[in-house]
Amino acid sequence: MNTDDRLLENEIGRVRQLIGKHERNKSLLVPFLHRIQEEHGFLPMEMMERLSAELTLPLSEIYGVASFYRQFHFSPRGRVIVRVCTGTACHVRGASALLQSLQNRFKICVGETTPNLSMTLETVGCIGCCGLAPVATVNDKVVGDIHSRKLIHLVRSIEEA
């Protein structure tokens, strides 16, 4: 049994002590998915298969639940998550050029992660900081008014992370 299996088994054991066996199935699925993702940064297939066996739920049902929620991911993600706002104000003030610059510099498309796992690039409909447009978040820190000089600083900070 590898370390990942032991971690999952320990977690399952603790939860089993708190609730009865008859309540194990669907009620524990989302909390377990959260724990697995916290531990690995994404949901590895082998962990979902193990969870399927432990909770006696079909793997297709586990995948269906996990794919429903945007917070769950099925592949490794970067150490830095950059989300570029594509809302109206940001679009008008240059979000497309910002996004294109990041894609060109890191050689990835939206929704992808760099091969060295340094960054994942995403878009978001609105961050809520329209007065600072164009805006992005870097690991949930808001960065606004991203002009060419600020973009250079942003790229350097991503590369150094």
C-alpha atoms as a PDB file:
ATOM      1  CA  MET A   1       0.000   0.000   0.000  1.00  0.00           C
ATOM      2  CA  ASN A   2       1.518   3.327  -1.044  1.00  0.00           C
ATOM      3  CA  THR A   3       1.422   6.605   0.868  1.00  0.00           C
ATOM      4  CA  ASP A   4      -1.563   7.951  -1.080  1.00  0.00           C
ATOM      5  CA  ASP A   5      -3.606   4.840  -0.310  1.00  0.00           C
ATOM      6  CA  ARG A   6      -2.716   5.066   3.389  1.00  0.00           C
ATOM      7  CA  LEU A   7      -3.723   8.746   3.514  1.00  0.00           C
ATOM      8  CA  LEU A   8      -7.069   8.022   1.873  1.00  0.00           C
ATOM      9  CA  GLU A   9      -7.669   4.984   4.082  1.00  0.00           C
ATOM     10  CA  ASN A  10      -6.864   6.966   7.244  1.00  0.00           C
ATOM     11  CA  GLU A  11      -9.242   9.724   6.180  1.00  0.00           C
ATOM     12  CA  ILE A  12     -12.000   7.225   5.353  1.00  0.00           C
ATOM     13  CA  GLY A  13     -11.467   5.556   8.716  1.00  0.00           C
ATOM     14  CA  ARG A  14     -11.851   8.820  10.612  1.00  0.00           C
ATOM     15  CA  VAL A  15     -15.066   9.705   8.831  1.00  0.00           C
ATOM     16  CA  ARG A  16     -16.460   6.195   9.331  1.00  0.00           C
ATOM     17  CA  GLN A  17     -16.071   6.671  13.073  1.00  0.00           C
ATOM     18  CA  LEU A  18     -18.153   9.831  12.926  1.00  0.00           C
ATOM     19  CA  ILE A  19     -21.097   8.487  10.968  1.00  0.00           C
ATOM     20  CA  GLY A  20     -22.754   5.147  10.524  1.00  0.00           C
ATOM     21  CA  LYS A  21     -21.932   2.783   7.694  1.00  0.00           C
ATOM     22  CA  HIS A  22     -25.444   3.159   6.238  1.00  0.00           C
ATOM     23  CA  GLU A  23     -24.734   6.863   5.514  1.00  0.00           C
ATOM     24  CA  ARG A  24     -21.408   6.313   3.711  1.00  0.00           C
ATOM     25  CA  ASN A  25     -22.256   6.559   0.055  1.00  0.00           C
ATOM     26  CA  LYS A  26     -23.184   9.876  -1.547  1.00  0.00           C
ATOM     27  CA  SER A  27     -23.045  12.004   1.577  1.00  0.00           C
ATOM     28  CA  LEU A  28     -19.253  11.618   1.783  1.00  0.00           C
ATOM     29  CA  LEU A  29     -18.393  12.015  -1.874  1.00  0.00           C
ATOM     30  CA  VAL A  30     -17.834  15.782  -2.129  1.00  0.00           C
ATOM     31  CA  PRO A  31     -15.881  16.049   1.155  1.00  0.00           C
ATOM     32  CA  PHE A  32     -13.607  13.198   0.027  1.00  0.00           C
ATOM     33  CA  LEU A  33     -13.096  14.818  -3.376  1.00  0.00           C
ATOM     34  CA  HIS A  34     -12.080  18.015  -1.592  1.00  0.00           C
ATOM     35  CA  ARG A  35      -9.609  16.159   0.618  1.00  0.00           C
ATOM     36  CA  ILE A  36      -8.069  14.293  -2.305  1.00  0.00           C
ATOM     37  CA  GLN A  37      -7.669  17.495  -4.294  1.00  0.00           C
ATOM     38  CA  GLU A  38      -6.185  19.336  -1.297  1.00  0.00           C
ATOM     39  CA  GLU A  39      -3.601  16.577  -0.955  1.00  0.00           C
ATOM     40  CA  HIS A  40      -2.703  16.191  -4.654  1.00  0.00           C
ATOM     41  CA  GLY A  41      -3.715  19.480  -6.239  1.00  0.00           C
ATOM     42  CA  PHE A  42      -6.054  17.575  -8.574  1.00  0.00           C
ATOM     43  CA  LEU A  43      -8.084  14.346  -8.641  1.00  0.00           C
ATOM     44  CA  PRO A  44      -5.849  11.460  -9.767  1.00  0.00           C
ATOM     45  CA  MET A  45      -7.770   8.649 -11.471  1.00  0.00           C
ATOM     46  CA  GLU A  46      -6.337   5.983  -9.152  1.00  0.00           C
ATOM     47  CA  MET A  47      -7.626   7.887  -6.115  1.00  0.00           C
ATOM     48  CA  MET A  48     -11.094   8.210  -7.654  1.00  0.00           C
ATOM     49  CA  GLU A  49     -11.086   4.471  -8.410  1.00  0.00           C
ATOM     50  CA  ARG A  50     -10.163   3.738  -4.794  1.00  0.00           C
ATOM     51  CA  LEU A  51     -12.886   6.114  -3.581  1.00  0.00           C
ATOM     52  CA  SER A  52     -15.375   4.350  -5.845  1.00  0.00           C
ATOM     53  CA  ALA A  53     -14.576   1.020  -4.232  1.00  0.00           C
ATOM     54  CA  GLU A  54     -14.633   2.404  -0.682  1.00  0.00           C
ATOM     55  CA  LEU A  55     -17.934   4.249  -1.049  1.00  0.00           C
ATOM     56  CA  THR A  56     -19.496   1.561  -3.276  1.00  0.00           C
ATOM     57  CA  LEU A  57     -20.362   4.177  -5.881  1.00  0.00           C
ATOM     58  CA  PRO A  58     -19.787   3.712  -9.612  1.00  0.00           C
ATOM     59  CA  LEU A  59     -16.747   5.576 -10.927  1.00  0.00           C
ATOM     60  CA  SER A  60     -19.001   7.226 -13.510  1.00  0.00           C
ATOM     61  CA  GLU A  61     -21.076   8.762 -10.717  1.00  0.00           C
ATOM     62  CA  ILE A  62     -17.990  10.059  -8.931  1.00  0.00           C
ATOM     63  CA  TYR A  63     -16.696  11.528 -12.187  1.00  0.00           C
ATOM     64  CA  GLY A  64     -20.117  13.052 -12.878  1.00  0.00           C
ATOM     65  CA  VAL A  65     -20.166  14.839  -9.531  1.00  0.00           C
ATOM     66  CA  ALA A  66     -16.544  15.970  -9.785  1.00  0.00           C
ATOM     67  CA  SER A  67     -16.959  17.274 -13.331  1.00  0.00           C
ATOM     68  CA  PHE A  68     -20.106  19.200 -12.345  1.00  0.00           C
ATOM     69  CA  TYR A  69     -18.155  21.490 -10.014  1.00  0.00           C
ATOM     70  CA  ARG A  70     -15.556  23.843 -11.546  1.00  0.00           C
ATOM     71  CA  GLN A  71     -13.402  23.648  -8.434  1.00  0.00           C
ATOM     72  CA  PHE A  72     -12.359  20.055  -9.153  1.00  0.00           C
ATOM     73  CA  HIS A  73      -9.587  19.326 -11.634  1.00  0.00           C
ATOM     74  CA  PHE A  74      -8.514  16.077 -13.292  1.00  0.00           C
ATOM     75  CA  SER A  75      -4.968  17.019 -14.231  1.00  0.00           C
ATOM     76  CA  PRO A  76      -2.097  18.682 -12.371  1.00  0.00           C
ATOM     77  CA  ARG A  77      -2.294  22.459 -12.099  1.00  0.00           C
ATOM     78  CA  GLY A  78       0.412  25.071 -11.951  1.00  0.00           C
ATOM     79  CA  ARG A  79       1.885  26.525  -8.804  1.00  0.00           C
ATOM     80  CA  VAL A  80       0.528  29.867 -10.026  1.00  0.00           C
ATOM     81  CA  ILE A  81      -3.064  30.098 -11.259  1.00  0.00           C
ATOM     82  CA  VAL A  82      -3.594  33.159 -13.461  1.00  0.00           C
ATOM     83  CA  ARG A  83      -7.187  34.104 -14.271  1.00  0.00           C
ATOM     84  CA  VAL A  84      -7.619  36.909 -16.788  1.00  0.00           C
ATOM     85  CA  CYS A  85     -10.921  38.780 -16.659  1.00  0.00           C
ATOM     86  CA  THR A  86     -12.735  38.828 -20.000  1.00  0.00           C
ATOM     87  CA  GLY A  87     -15.696  40.906 -18.835  1.00  0.00           C
ATOM     88  CA  THR A  88     -16.829  43.949 -20.801  1.00  0.00           C
ATOM     89  CA  ALA A  89     -14.666  46.581 -19.075  1.00  0.00           C
ATOM     90  CA  CYS A  90     -11.558  44.404 -19.215  1.00  0.00           C
ATOM     91  CA  HIS A  91     -12.223  43.441 -22.818  1.00  0.00           C
ATOM     92  CA  VAL A  92     -12.556  47.092 -23.845  1.00  0.00           C
ATOM     93  CA  ARG A  93      -9.334  48.005 -21.993  1.00  0.00           C
ATOM     94  CA  GLY A  94      -7.148  45.278 -23.495  1.00  0.00           C
ATOM     95  CA  ALA A  95      -7.801  41.918 -21.811  1.00  0.00           C
ATOM     96  CA  SER A  96      -7.515  40.125 -25.157  1.00  0.00           C
ATOM     97  CA  ALA A  97      -4.020  41.493 -25.724  1.00  0.00           C
ATOM     98  CA  LEU A  98      -3.059  40.625 -22.137  1.00  0.00           C
ATOM     99  CA  LEU A  99      -4.322  37.084 -22.564  1.00  0.00           C
ATOM    100  CA  GLN A 100      -2.549  36.718 -25.900  1.00  0.00           C
ATOM    101  CA  SER A 101       0.715  37.988 -24.378  1.00  0.00           C
ATOM    102  CA  LEU A 102       0.532  35.419 -21.577  1.00  0.00           C
ATOM    103  CA  GLN A 103      -0.307  32.619 -24.005  1.00  0.00           C
ATOM    104  CA  ASN A 104       2.622  33.560 -26.247  1.00  0.00           C
ATOM    105  CA  ARG A 105       5.106  33.978 -23.391  1.00  0.00           C
ATOM    106  CA  PHE A 106       4.248  30.690 -21.676  1.00  0.00           C
ATOM    107  CA  LYS A 107       3.337  28.785 -24.864  1.00  0.00           C
ATOM    108  CA  ILE A 108      -0.004  27.552 -23.528  1.00  0.00           C
ATOM    109  CA  CYS A 109      -3.658  28.185 -24.311  1.00  0.00           C
ATOM    110  CA  VAL A 110      -6.452  29.092 -21.933  1.00  0.00           C
ATOM    111  CA  GLY A 111      -7.237  26.115 -19.708  1.00  0.00           C
ATOM    112  CA  GLU A 112      -3.739  24.659 -19.992  1.00  0.00           C
ATOM    113  CA  THR A 113      -0.818  24.305 -17.622  1.00  0.00           C
ATOM    114  CA  THR A 114       2.820  24.803 -18.510  1.00  0.00           C
ATOM    115  CA  PRO A 115       4.791  21.536 -18.834  1.00  0.00           C
ATOM    116  CA  ASN A 116       6.916  22.442 -15.788  1.00  0.00           C
ATOM    117  CA  LEU A 117       3.732  23.094 -13.744  1.00  0.00           C
ATOM    118  CA  SER A 118       4.724  26.705 -13.082  1.00  0.00           C
ATOM    119  CA  MET A 119       1.424  28.222 -14.274  1.00  0.00           C
ATOM    120  CA  THR A 120      -2.162  27.436 -15.247  1.00  0.00           C
ATOM    121  CA  LEU A 121      -3.930  30.026 -17.405  1.00  0.00           C
ATOM    122  CA  GLU A 122      -7.686  30.545 -17.171  1.00  0.00           C
ATOM    123  CA  THR A 123     -10.271  33.186 -17.975  1.00  0.00           C
ATOM    124  CA  VAL A 124     -13.101  34.451 -15.809  1.00  0.00           C
ATOM    125  CA  GLY A 125     -16.210  36.393 -16.799  1.00  0.00           C
ATOM    126  CA  CYS A 126     -15.774  39.146 -14.224  1.00  0.00           C
ATOM    127  CA  ILE A 127     -13.590  39.716 -11.200  1.00  0.00           C
ATOM    128  CA  GLY A 128     -15.586  42.718 -10.010  1.00  0.00           C
ATOM    129  CA  CYS A 129     -12.829  45.309 -10.280  1.00  0.00           C
ATOM    130  CA  CYS A 130     -13.969  46.994 -13.483  1.00  0.00           C
ATOM    131  CA  GLY A 131     -12.397  50.316 -12.543  1.00  0.00           C
ATOM    132  CA  LEU A 132      -8.973  48.615 -12.563  1.00  0.00           C
ATOM    133  CA  ALA A 133      -9.389  46.999 -15.985  1.00  0.00           C
ATOM    134  CA  PRO A 134      -7.758  45.027 -17.423  1.00  0.00           C
ATOM    135  CA  VAL A 135      -7.599  42.786 -14.375  1.00  0.00           C
ATOM    136  CA  ALA A 136      -6.273  39.332 -13.564  1.00  0.00           C
ATOM    137  CA  THR A 137      -5.895  37.298 -10.420  1.00  0.00           C
ATOM    138  CA  VAL A 138      -2.660  35.553  -9.559  1.00  0.00           C
ATOM    139  CA  ASN A 139      -3.400  32.841  -7.015  1.00  0.00           C
ATOM    140  CA  ASP A 140      -6.473  34.862  -5.972  1.00  0.00           C
ATOM    141  CA  LYS A 141      -4.526  38.130  -5.570  1.00  0.00           C
ATOM    142  CA  VAL A 142      -6.100  40.823  -7.761  1.00  0.00           C
ATOM    143  CA  VAL A 143      -3.732  42.613 -10.130  1.00  0.00           C
ATOM    144  CA  GLY A 144      -5.298  45.578 -11.914  1.00  0.00           C
ATOM    145  CA  ASP A 145      -4.444  48.076 -14.619  1.00  0.00           C
ATOM    146  CA  ILE A 146      -2.129  45.607 -16.308  1.00  0.00           C
ATOM    147  CA  HIS A 147      -0.299  47.701 -18.884  1.00  0.00           C
ATOM    148  CA  SER A 148       2.944  46.678 -20.627  1.00  0.00           C
ATOM    149  CA  ARG A 149       5.285  47.539 -17.723  1.00  0.00           C
ATOM    150  CA  LYS A 150       3.058  45.783 -15.191  1.00  0.00           C
ATOM    151  CA  LEU A 151       2.778  42.787 -17.529  1.00  0.00           C
ATOM    152  CA  ILE A 152       6.580  42.427 -17.555  1.00  0.00           C
ATOM    153  CA  HIS A 153       6.580  42.434 -13.734  1.00  0.00           C
ATOM    154  CA  LEU A 154       3.698  39.928 -13.675  1.00  0.00           C
ATOM    155  CA  VAL A 155       5.525  37.560 -16.041  1.00  0.00           C
ATOM    156  CA  ARG A 156       8.697  37.752 -13.945  1.00  0.00           C
ATOM    157  CA  SER A 157       6.793  36.995 -10.741  1.00  0.00           C
ATOM    158  CA  ILE A 158       5.196  33.953 -12.376  1.00  0.00           C
ATOM    159  CA  GLU A 159       8.532  32.681 -13.655  1.00  0.00           C
ATOM    160  CA  GLU A 160      10.131  33.108 -10.219  1.00  0.00           C
ATOM    161  CA  ALA A 161       7.352  31.277  -8.369  1.00  0.00           C
END
